[in-house]
Protein backbone atom coordinates (compact mmCIF):
# COMPACT_ATOMS: atom_id res chain seq x y z
CA UNK A 1 35.61 42.53 -3.86
CA UNK A 2 37.24 40.66 -0.97
CA UNK A 3 35.13 38.37 1.22
CA UNK A 4 35.66 37.50 4.88
CA UNK A 5 33.64 35.64 7.48
CA UNK A 6 33.25 35.81 11.24
CA UNK A 7 31.39 33.28 13.39
CA UNK A 8 30.36 33.91 16.99
CA UNK A 9 28.39 32.02 19.63
CA UNK A 10 27.50 33.33 23.13
CA UNK A 11 28.78 30.08 24.65
CA UNK A 12 32.36 31.13 23.79
CA UNK A 13 33.39 34.13 25.89
CA UNK A 14 36.78 35.81 26.23
CA UNK A 15 35.78 37.87 29.28
CA UNK A 16 33.81 40.93 30.34
CA UNK A 17 34.03 44.30 28.64
CA UNK A 18 35.98 46.25 31.25
CA UNK A 19 35.14 49.95 31.65
CA UNK A 20 38.76 50.76 32.46
CA UNK A 21 39.74 49.71 28.94
CA UNK A 22 38.53 53.16 27.91
CA UNK A 23 40.92 55.18 30.04
CA UNK A 24 43.09 58.11 29.02
CA UNK A 25 46.12 60.00 30.25
CA UNK A 26 46.87 63.57 31.33
CA UNK A 27 50.54 64.45 31.76
CA UNK A 28 52.20 67.78 32.48
CA UNK A 29 53.55 67.78 28.93
CA UNK A 30 53.12 70.47 26.31
CA UNK A 31 49.59 71.87 26.27
CA UNK A 32 47.82 68.86 27.75
CA UNK A 33 47.18 70.55 31.12
CA UNK A 34 47.72 74.27 30.48
CA UNK A 35 45.38 75.53 27.70
CA UNK A 36 44.21 71.89 27.42
CA UNK A 37 42.09 70.97 30.42
CA UNK A 38 43.01 74.17 32.31
CA UNK A 39 42.61 77.61 30.72
CA UNK A 40 41.26 80.15 33.23
CA UNK A 41 40.75 82.85 30.60
CA UNK A 42 38.59 80.65 28.37
CA UNK A 43 34.92 81.65 27.95
CA UNK A 44 33.80 78.23 29.22
CA UNK A 45 36.22 78.09 32.18
CA UNK A 46 34.74 77.39 35.61
CA UNK A 47 35.84 78.74 38.99
CA UNK A 48 38.77 76.27 39.01
CA UNK A 49 39.93 77.39 35.56
CA UNK A 50 38.85 74.18 33.80
CA UNK A 51 37.54 74.41 30.27
CA UNK A 52 33.91 73.35 30.13
CA UNK A 53 34.13 72.52 26.44
CA UNK A 54 36.92 70.02 27.11
CA UNK A 55 35.02 68.43 29.99
CA UNK A 56 32.03 67.93 27.70
CA UNK A 57 34.23 66.42 24.99
CA UNK A 58 35.87 64.10 27.53
CA UNK A 59 32.40 62.91 28.56
CA UNK A 60 31.44 62.39 24.93
CA UNK A 61 34.66 60.49 24.33
CA UNK A 62 33.56 58.08 27.06
CA UNK A 63 36.77 58.22 29.09
CA UNK A 64 36.46 56.20 32.30
CA UNK A 65 39.85 56.64 33.99
CA UNK A 66 42.62 59.21 33.62
CA UNK A 67 46.25 58.50 34.55
CA UNK A 68 48.16 61.43 36.11
CA UNK A 69 50.61 63.27 36.30
CA UNK A 70 52.91 61.25 34.01
CA UNK A 71 54.49 59.85 32.10
CA UNK A 72 58.14 60.86 31.99
CA UNK A 73 57.18 63.99 33.96
CA UNK A 74 56.45 62.02 37.13
CA UNK A 75 60.02 60.73 37.49
CA UNK A 76 61.19 64.20 38.58
CA UNK A 77 57.93 65.46 40.12
CA UNK A 78 57.61 66.83 43.65
CA UNK A 79 53.90 66.40 44.31
CA UNK A 80 53.92 68.84 47.26
CA UNK A 81 54.81 71.66 44.81
CA UNK A 82 51.29 71.35 43.42
CA UNK A 83 49.25 71.71 46.61
CA UNK A 84 48.31 74.70 48.74
CA UNK A 85 47.78 78.31 47.63
CA UNK A 86 48.55 78.57 43.92
CA UNK A 87 50.33 81.90 44.29
CA UNK A 88 52.81 80.29 46.70
CA UNK A 89 53.68 77.29 44.55
CA UNK A 90 57.23 77.14 43.15
CA UNK A 91 58.19 77.08 39.49
CA UNK A 92 60.39 74.11 38.65
CA UNK A 93 62.44 72.90 35.71
CA UNK A 94 60.87 69.83 34.13
CA UNK A 95 63.82 67.84 32.83
CA UNK A 96 61.65 65.27 31.05
CA UNK A 97 60.31 67.75 28.49
CA UNK A 98 62.78 70.65 28.93
CA UNK A 99 60.00 72.95 30.10
CA UNK A 100 59.07 75.08 33.11
CA UNK A 101 56.37 73.70 35.38
CA UNK A 102 54.43 76.50 37.14
CA UNK A 103 52.40 74.07 39.30
CA UNK A 104 49.13 75.90 38.70
CA UNK A 105 47.45 72.49 38.61
CA UNK A 106 48.27 69.76 41.11
CA UNK A 107 46.75 66.77 42.84
CA UNK A 108 43.71 68.51 44.35
CA UNK A 109 42.82 70.35 41.14
CA UNK A 110 43.19 67.19 39.09
CA UNK A 111 40.88 65.23 41.37
CA UNK A 112 38.30 68.02 41.17
CA UNK A 113 38.58 67.90 37.38
CA UNK A 114 38.02 64.12 37.45
CA UNK A 115 34.86 64.53 39.48
CA UNK A 116 33.54 67.15 37.09
CA UNK A 117 34.34 64.96 34.08
CA UNK A 118 32.95 61.82 35.74
CA UNK A 119 36.18 59.82 35.50
CA UNK A 120 38.23 57.76 37.95
CA UNK A 121 41.66 59.21 38.83
CA UNK A 122 44.67 56.92 38.43
CA UNK A 123 47.79 58.22 40.16
CA UNK A 124 51.48 57.63 39.40
CA UNK A 125 54.21 58.00 42.04
CA UNK A 126 57.77 59.16 41.49
CA UNK A 127 60.17 56.23 41.75
CA UNK A 128 62.79 57.99 39.62
CA UNK A 129 64.21 60.70 41.92
CA UNK A 130 62.15 59.62 44.94
CA UNK A 131 60.95 56.38 46.52
CA UNK A 132 59.00 54.63 49.26
CA UNK A 133 58.51 57.49 51.72
CA UNK A 134 57.34 59.95 49.06
CA UNK A 135 54.80 57.41 47.79
CA UNK A 136 53.51 56.90 51.33
CA UNK A 137 53.25 60.66 51.90
CA UNK A 138 51.28 61.16 48.70
CA UNK A 139 49.02 58.20 49.53
CA UNK A 140 48.30 59.66 52.97
CA UNK A 141 47.62 63.07 51.43
CA UNK A 142 45.19 61.65 48.88
CA UNK A 143 43.42 58.95 50.86
CA UNK A 144 44.16 59.55 54.53
CA UNK A 145 41.22 59.63 56.96
CA UNK A 146 43.02 59.83 60.31
CA UNK A 147 44.20 62.88 62.24
CA UNK A 148 47.67 62.83 60.64
CA UNK A 149 49.96 65.38 59.06
CA UNK A 150 49.36 64.86 55.33
CA UNK A 151 45.66 64.07 55.68
CA UNK A 152 45.29 67.30 57.67
CA UNK A 153 47.30 69.16 55.03
CA UNK A 154 44.80 68.02 52.40
CA UNK A 155 41.95 69.20 54.61
CA UNK A 156 43.68 72.55 55.11
CA UNK A 157 43.99 72.85 51.35
CA UNK A 158 40.23 72.57 50.94
CA UNK A 159 39.58 68.85 50.43
CA UNK A 160 37.85 67.63 53.59
CA UNK A 161 36.96 64.26 52.11
CA UNK A 162 39.72 61.88 51.01
CA UNK A 163 40.27 61.57 47.28
CA UNK A 164 39.85 57.79 47.47
CA UNK A 165 42.27 56.95 44.64
CA UNK A 166 42.35 53.17 44.16
CA UNK A 167 44.74 52.57 41.26
CA UNK A 168 48.42 53.57 41.58
CA UNK A 169 51.31 53.25 39.11
CA UNK A 170 54.64 52.46 40.75
CA UNK A 171 56.76 54.80 38.65
CA UNK A 172 56.86 55.17 34.89
CA UNK A 173 58.91 53.49 32.13
CA UNK A 174 61.78 52.70 34.47
CA UNK A 175 63.27 50.46 31.77
CA UNK A 176 63.96 53.49 29.56
CA UNK A 177 67.42 55.16 29.60
CA UNK A 178 65.62 58.46 28.89
CA UNK A 179 63.84 58.21 32.26
CA UNK A 180 65.11 60.33 35.16
CA UNK A 181 66.29 57.77 37.70
CA UNK A 182 66.35 54.93 35.15
CA UNK A 183 67.03 51.60 36.83
CA UNK A 184 67.94 48.06 35.97
CA UNK A 185 65.19 45.46 36.24
CA UNK A 186 66.68 44.16 39.50
CA UNK A 187 66.88 47.65 41.02
CA UNK A 188 63.39 48.61 39.96
CA UNK A 189 61.83 45.26 40.88
CA UNK A 190 63.09 45.57 44.46
CA UNK A 191 61.96 49.20 44.72
CA UNK A 192 58.51 48.40 43.29
CA UNK A 193 58.10 45.52 45.74
CA UNK A 194 59.20 47.63 48.70
CA UNK A 195 56.93 50.52 47.71
CA UNK A 196 53.95 48.25 47.11
CA UNK A 197 54.46 46.44 50.42
CA UNK A 198 54.56 49.72 52.33
CA UNK A 199 51.52 51.17 50.52
CA UNK A 200 49.54 48.04 51.33
CA UNK A 201 50.37 48.53 55.01
CA UNK A 202 48.31 51.70 54.73
CA UNK A 203 45.56 50.22 52.53
CA UNK A 204 45.58 46.53 51.51
CA UNK A 205 42.86 47.15 48.95
CA UNK A 206 44.88 49.37 46.62
CA UNK A 207 45.38 48.27 43.00
CA UNK A 208 49.06 48.60 42.13
CA UNK A 209 50.76 48.65 38.72
CA UNK A 210 54.40 47.65 38.27
CA UNK A 211 56.28 49.13 35.32
CA UNK A 212 56.57 46.75 32.41
CA UNK A 213 58.37 47.51 29.17
CA UNK A 214 57.93 50.89 27.51
CA UNK A 215 57.92 49.14 24.13
CA UNK A 216 58.12 45.62 22.77
CA UNK A 217 61.07 46.93 20.74
CA UNK A 218 63.17 47.52 23.87
CA UNK A 219 66.23 45.22 24.03
CA UNK A 220 65.22 44.23 27.57
CA UNK A 221 61.62 43.35 26.63
CA UNK A 222 60.50 40.09 28.17
CA UNK A 223 63.43 39.73 30.51
CA UNK A 224 62.47 43.03 32.16
CA UNK A 225 58.98 41.69 32.97
CA UNK A 226 60.43 38.41 34.22
CA UNK A 227 62.87 40.03 36.65
CA UNK A 228 60.49 42.75 37.87
CA UNK A 229 57.64 40.32 38.51
CA UNK A 230 59.92 37.78 40.16
CA UNK A 231 60.62 40.48 42.77
CA UNK A 232 57.15 42.01 43.06
CA UNK A 233 54.58 39.39 41.97
CA UNK A 234 52.82 38.99 45.32
CA UNK A 235 52.66 42.74 45.92
CA UNK A 236 51.20 44.07 42.63
CA UNK A 237 48.06 43.49 40.60
CA UNK A 238 49.11 44.71 37.15
CA UNK A 239 52.14 45.05 34.95
CA UNK A 240 52.09 47.99 32.55
CA UNK A 241 52.60 47.99 28.79
CA UNK A 242 53.36 51.06 26.67
CA UNK A 243 53.55 51.37 22.91
CA UNK A 244 54.00 54.23 20.44
CA UNK A 245 55.61 52.16 17.70
CA UNK A 246 52.79 52.97 15.29
CA UNK A 247 53.06 55.63 12.58
CA UNK A 248 52.69 55.67 8.82
CA UNK A 249 56.18 56.05 7.38
CA UNK A 250 55.30 55.51 3.72
CA UNK A 251 54.27 51.90 4.32
CA UNK A 252 50.48 52.16 4.67
CA UNK A 253 49.95 48.39 4.45
CA UNK A 254 52.12 47.71 7.50
CA UNK A 255 50.70 50.68 9.40
CA UNK A 256 47.15 49.37 8.99
CA UNK A 257 48.31 46.07 10.52
CA UNK A 258 49.68 47.71 13.69
CA UNK A 259 47.34 45.68 15.90
CA UNK A 260 49.37 42.58 14.97
CA UNK A 261 52.21 44.10 16.96
CA UNK A 262 49.92 44.96 19.89
CA UNK A 263 48.59 41.38 19.90
CA UNK A 264 52.17 40.09 20.06
CA UNK A 265 53.06 42.53 22.85
CA UNK A 266 50.10 41.50 25.00
CA UNK A 267 50.53 37.78 24.43
CA UNK A 268 54.26 37.96 25.19
CA UNK A 269 53.70 39.81 28.47
CA UNK A 270 50.98 37.33 29.45
CA UNK A 271 53.30 34.40 28.72
CA UNK A 272 56.09 35.94 30.80
CA UNK A 273 53.79 36.78 33.72
CA UNK A 274 52.38 33.27 33.71
CA UNK A 275 55.87 31.77 33.63
CA UNK A 276 56.75 33.80 36.75
CA UNK A 277 53.49 32.64 38.33
CA UNK A 278 54.36 29.00 37.67
CA UNK A 279 57.95 29.33 38.86
CA UNK A 280 56.91 31.11 42.05
CA UNK A 281 53.91 28.84 42.66
CA UNK A 282 51.64 31.89 42.97
CA UNK A 283 47.85 31.57 43.00
CA UNK A 284 46.78 34.86 41.45
CA UNK A 285 47.28 35.96 37.85
CA UNK A 286 48.81 39.30 36.96
CA UNK A 287 46.73 41.48 34.63
CA UNK A 288 47.98 44.09 32.15
CA UNK A 289 47.43 47.82 32.44
CA UNK A 290 48.13 49.04 28.90
CA UNK A 291 48.33 52.52 30.30
CA UNK A 292 50.00 54.29 27.36
CA UNK A 293 49.11 53.56 23.75
CA UNK A 294 48.51 55.55 20.60
CA UNK A 295 49.71 56.44 17.13
CA UNK A 296 52.58 58.92 17.46
CA UNK A 297 54.67 60.53 14.69
CA UNK A 298 57.84 60.89 16.72
CA UNK A 299 59.98 62.28 13.87
CA UNK A 300 57.77 65.28 13.17
CA UNK A 301 58.86 68.79 14.16
CA UNK A 302 56.17 69.11 16.83
CA UNK A 303 57.76 66.21 18.73
CA UNK A 304 61.11 68.02 19.09
CA UNK A 305 61.49 69.24 22.68
CA UNK A 306 63.00 72.65 23.51
CA UNK A 307 66.70 72.79 24.28
CA UNK A 308 69.45 75.05 25.59
CA UNK A 309 68.25 78.04 27.62
CA UNK A 310 64.69 77.72 26.35
CA UNK A 311 62.49 76.42 29.22
CA UNK A 312 58.97 77.49 28.19
CA UNK A 313 55.71 76.92 30.02
CA UNK A 314 53.34 74.64 28.10
CA UNK A 315 55.10 74.67 24.71
CA UNK A 316 53.51 73.16 21.63
CA UNK A 317 54.73 69.56 21.86
CA UNK A 318 53.61 66.28 20.28
CA UNK A 319 50.56 67.94 18.66
CA UNK A 320 50.03 65.35 15.93
CA UNK A 321 47.17 66.01 13.52
CA UNK A 322 45.54 62.67 12.89
CA UNK A 323 44.09 61.50 9.59
CA UNK A 324 41.60 58.83 8.56
CA UNK A 325 44.16 56.03 8.42
CA UNK A 326 45.30 56.96 11.94
CA UNK A 327 41.71 56.66 13.15
CA UNK A 328 41.35 53.23 11.53
CA UNK A 329 44.49 52.06 13.34
CA UNK A 330 43.29 53.48 16.68
CA UNK A 331 40.00 51.63 16.19
CA UNK A 332 41.92 48.45 15.42
CA UNK A 333 44.11 48.83 18.51
CA UNK A 334 40.92 49.03 20.59
CA UNK A 335 39.82 45.79 18.93
CA UNK A 336 43.09 44.21 20.08
CA UNK A 337 42.61 45.45 23.66
CA UNK A 338 39.06 44.08 23.77
CA UNK A 339 40.14 40.79 22.22
CA UNK A 340 42.49 40.34 25.19
CA UNK A 341 40.03 41.47 27.85
CA UNK A 342 40.71 38.31 29.84
CA UNK A 343 44.16 39.73 30.70
CA UNK A 344 44.06 43.43 29.74
CA UNK A 345 42.06 44.91 32.60
CA UNK A 346 42.87 48.58 32.04
CA UNK A 347 44.22 50.82 29.28
CA UNK A 348 44.94 54.51 28.79
CA UNK A 349 44.91 56.28 25.43
CA UNK A 350 47.82 58.72 25.59
CA UNK A 351 46.91 61.49 25.81
CA UNK A 352 43.57 63.24 26.28
CA UNK A 353 44.07 66.81 25.02
CA UNK A 354 46.47 68.40 22.49
CA UNK A 355 49.36 65.98 23.09
CA UNK A 356 48.93 63.07 20.59
CA UNK A 357 45.27 63.42 21.51
CA UNK A 358 41.73 62.95 20.19
CA UNK A 359 40.76 66.41 21.50
CA UNK A 360 42.45 69.61 20.33
CA UNK A 361 42.12 73.15 21.64
CA UNK A 362 43.16 76.68 20.81
CA UNK A 363 44.36 78.71 23.82
CA UNK A 364 41.33 80.73 24.84
CA UNK A 365 39.51 79.59 21.72
CA UNK A 366 37.98 76.67 19.88
CA UNK A 367 38.14 72.95 20.55
CA UNK A 368 37.55 70.13 18.11
CA UNK A 369 37.51 66.37 17.65
CA UNK A 370 40.31 64.68 15.75
CA UNK A 371 39.56 61.68 13.52
CA UNK A 372 40.74 59.31 16.26
CA UNK A 373 38.03 60.62 18.59
CA UNK A 374 35.24 58.81 16.78
CA UNK A 375 36.20 55.11 16.91
CA UNK A 376 37.18 55.51 20.56
CA UNK A 377 33.94 57.27 21.51
CA UNK A 378 31.69 54.81 19.68
CA UNK A 379 33.50 51.78 21.06
CA UNK A 380 33.42 53.15 24.61
CA UNK A 381 29.71 53.93 24.26
CA UNK A 382 28.50 50.67 22.75
CA UNK A 383 30.87 47.85 23.83
CA UNK A 384 28.94 46.27 26.70
CA UNK A 385 28.57 42.91 28.38
CA UNK A 386 31.07 40.31 27.25
CA UNK A 387 33.62 39.95 24.49
CA UNK A 388 32.86 36.85 22.42
CA UNK A 389 35.54 34.56 21.07
CA UNK A 390 35.23 34.53 17.31
CA UNK A 391 36.35 32.41 14.39
CA UNK A 392 37.66 34.64 11.60
CA UNK A 393 38.49 33.73 8.03
CA UNK A 394 39.80 36.44 5.75
CA UNK A 395 42.07 36.89 2.73
CA UNK A 396 45.61 37.92 3.61
CA UNK A 397 47.92 40.57 2.22
CA UNK A 398 51.66 41.15 2.43
CA UNK A 399 53.27 43.66 4.78
CA UNK A 400 56.93 44.58 5.11
CA UNK A 401 56.82 44.61 8.92
CA UNK A 402 54.50 41.74 9.85
CA UNK A 403 54.47 39.37 6.89
CA UNK A 404 51.07 38.17 5.70
CA UNK A 405 48.16 39.48 7.77
CA UNK A 406 44.35 39.23 7.45
CA UNK A 407 42.67 42.04 5.57
CA UNK A 408 39.89 41.97 8.17
CA UNK A 409 40.16 42.35 11.93
CA UNK A 410 37.14 42.32 14.22
CA UNK A 411 35.77 41.86 17.71
CA UNK A 412 32.20 41.19 18.85
CA UNK A 413 30.56 42.16 22.14
CA UNK A 414 27.32 40.73 23.54
CA UNK A 415 25.20 42.10 26.38
CA UNK A 416 23.23 39.08 27.61
CA UNK A 417 20.82 41.23 29.64
CA UNK A 418 19.68 43.42 26.75
CA UNK A 419 20.53 41.05 23.92
CA UNK A 420 22.56 43.74 22.14
CA UNK A 421 25.34 42.58 19.83
CA UNK A 422 27.99 44.90 18.40
CA UNK A 423 30.55 44.09 15.71
CA UNK A 424 33.62 46.33 15.48
CA UNK A 425 35.61 45.70 12.31
CA UNK A 426 38.40 47.16 10.18
CA UNK A 427 39.15 46.61 6.51
CA UNK A 428 42.93 46.91 6.25
CA UNK A 429 42.96 46.63 2.47
CA UNK A 430 44.27 49.78 0.85
CA UNK A 431 42.24 49.39 -2.34
CA UNK A 432 39.47 46.79 -2.12
CA UNK A 433 36.01 46.73 -0.61
CA UNK A 434 35.50 43.78 1.72
CA UNK A 435 32.23 41.93 2.18
CA UNK A 436 31.93 40.85 5.81
CA UNK A 437 29.65 37.89 6.52
CA UNK A 438 29.01 37.39 10.23
CA UNK A 439 27.30 34.23 11.47
CA UNK A 440 25.50 35.03 14.73
CA UNK A 441 24.81 31.63 16.24
CA UNK A 442 22.64 31.15 19.30
CA UNK A 443 21.91 34.85 19.72
CA UNK A 444 18.22 34.73 18.76
CA UNK A 445 16.40 36.94 16.31
CA UNK A 446 18.26 40.18 15.80
CA UNK A 447 17.55 43.41 13.96
CA UNK A 448 19.99 45.99 12.69
CA UNK A 449 19.99 49.15 14.82
CA UNK A 450 22.93 51.05 13.38
CA UNK A 451 25.74 50.54 10.89
CA UNK A 452 28.44 53.17 10.43
CA UNK A 453 31.82 53.27 8.72
CA UNK A 454 34.65 55.77 9.03
CA UNK A 455 36.52 56.03 5.74
CA UNK A 456 37.40 58.46 2.99
CA UNK A 457 38.84 58.12 -0.51
CA UNK A 458 41.69 60.29 0.78
CA UNK A 459 42.95 58.46 3.84
CA UNK A 460 45.20 61.44 4.68
CA UNK A 461 42.28 63.77 5.44
CA UNK A 462 42.65 65.43 8.86
CA UNK A 463 40.23 67.43 10.96
CA UNK A 464 40.94 71.06 11.83
CA UNK A 465 39.25 73.72 13.94
CA UNK A 466 37.69 75.02 10.73
CA UNK A 467 36.54 71.62 9.45
CA UNK A 468 36.13 68.74 11.86
CA UNK A 469 32.94 67.35 10.30
CA UNK A 470 33.53 66.69 6.59
CA UNK A 471 34.68 63.14 7.38
CA UNK A 472 32.76 61.42 10.17
CA UNK A 473 31.44 57.89 10.73
CA UNK A 474 28.62 57.69 8.17
CA UNK A 475 25.71 55.26 7.80
CA UNK A 476 26.73 52.09 5.96
CA UNK A 477 23.71 51.35 3.80
CA UNK A 478 25.04 47.94 2.70
CA UNK A 479 24.47 46.32 6.10
CA UNK A 480 21.64 43.77 6.29
CA UNK A 481 20.50 41.04 8.68
CA UNK A 482 18.82 37.85 7.49
CA UNK A 483 18.22 35.12 10.02
CA UNK A 484 21.49 34.53 11.82
CA UNK A 485 23.61 36.25 9.15
CA UNK A 486 24.83 39.84 9.21
CA UNK A 487 26.34 41.10 5.96
CA UNK A 488 28.02 44.43 5.21
CA UNK A 489 30.48 45.80 2.70
CA UNK A 490 33.38 47.61 4.35
CA UNK A 491 35.25 50.25 2.32
CA UNK A 492 39.05 50.08 2.04
CA UNK A 493 41.01 51.66 4.91
CA UNK A 494 37.93 51.77 7.14
CA UNK A 495 36.69 51.22 10.67
CA UNK A 496 33.08 50.12 11.11
CA UNK A 497 30.58 49.49 13.87
CA UNK A 498 27.49 47.31 13.33
CA UNK A 499 24.93 47.30 16.16
CA UNK A 500 22.13 44.79 16.55
CA UNK A 501 19.32 44.32 19.06
CA UNK A 502 16.65 41.74 19.75
CA UNK A 503 14.00 41.68 17.05
């Protein structure tokens, strides 16, 4: 058996647990919107056509914010197509995903869905085929309170009260050659700055996100952030980070260490942003909105977009079926995001329903939780208070992609008001149990409330509509607390949560 140790003390704090870390993403892509959140013929559908079963699952998942409407989709989107009487809305070609967009759901419907699901909307503007004026028009439509054209149009469309959207993404993945309206860093940086400056003339209190790199593997990574922030630093609050580099390609050991890459991504963006801050003699610090992240098997058949004369509505796209190892990696990526909570102030799991998602649906039929649902839901539910800085000592193992990495990764949260302490941990070993010994210094007398582990001898097990419950987080009976020491044995290829409260 492997042995690893973690030491924590409430005097050493990384930063607060930020609710927006547990955001998600809804794009007009595949079946995320149509037959995902919106399915008027479904038995649970409400008057707006939204599936009640999906709303309940989104609440259970603990999603706090949802980014909309893209994604690659937004770079060719005409937002006005999606407002007003549904029967009068135009059908458009969506070039991003070679599909037809019927515009049955638009801004007003999405905001109503957010209110029903209890989440904060996060809006993206089109800086691919459009620009400053379109962003201002959409902002006025969503948030306007005066007697003006677009605010009155929203009222005429049934939304008397402003939508009050606070967080806005200035385009999407503009560093990517696949993006409609792709730009150089200089071009995009100027456009982002001009758009942000104009939006702040309307509302200085908006929170604005400049596009960072769509992957740390991009050849422009690092220099893109430097150039964009040099242009826009004083006008934005966040720089985005996106990553889908993670999939098991026959190298399970490297896949389980995916959070090493996310750590590097975050720390590199922070270093670049701080270098721009120093060079520009700025006072504020730029935070990261990691507003697209997930495991994604991009070479599978379901990720192949339609082509030729085939322009379907809501085709099956990117519908990955996640297994136990995928869930362990998703849990570990959340550990990485929490570990960097001092600079990662928001994040969005991409996406919410059907498209590389923790929630799956059948059109008009059943819905179910994928394996990745569980570590996200439990972390969102129980990570409270502050993230503690920890000292970790663990045996290492070899990986082809990242060299030698620790077999254990972990993060600890502490709610000073209640005294609750939660340890989230992964055992990356593919074959060995790992005994975790956690020294809880200065936290008082604690008792074990709950200990669960998600694992399975077959790490390739996946949930289906017929069987989504055979493999769930199960009680870990090895966990014990004695004095200031918490001990538990973590199975190989596992994610675990250990919750403690004041004795």
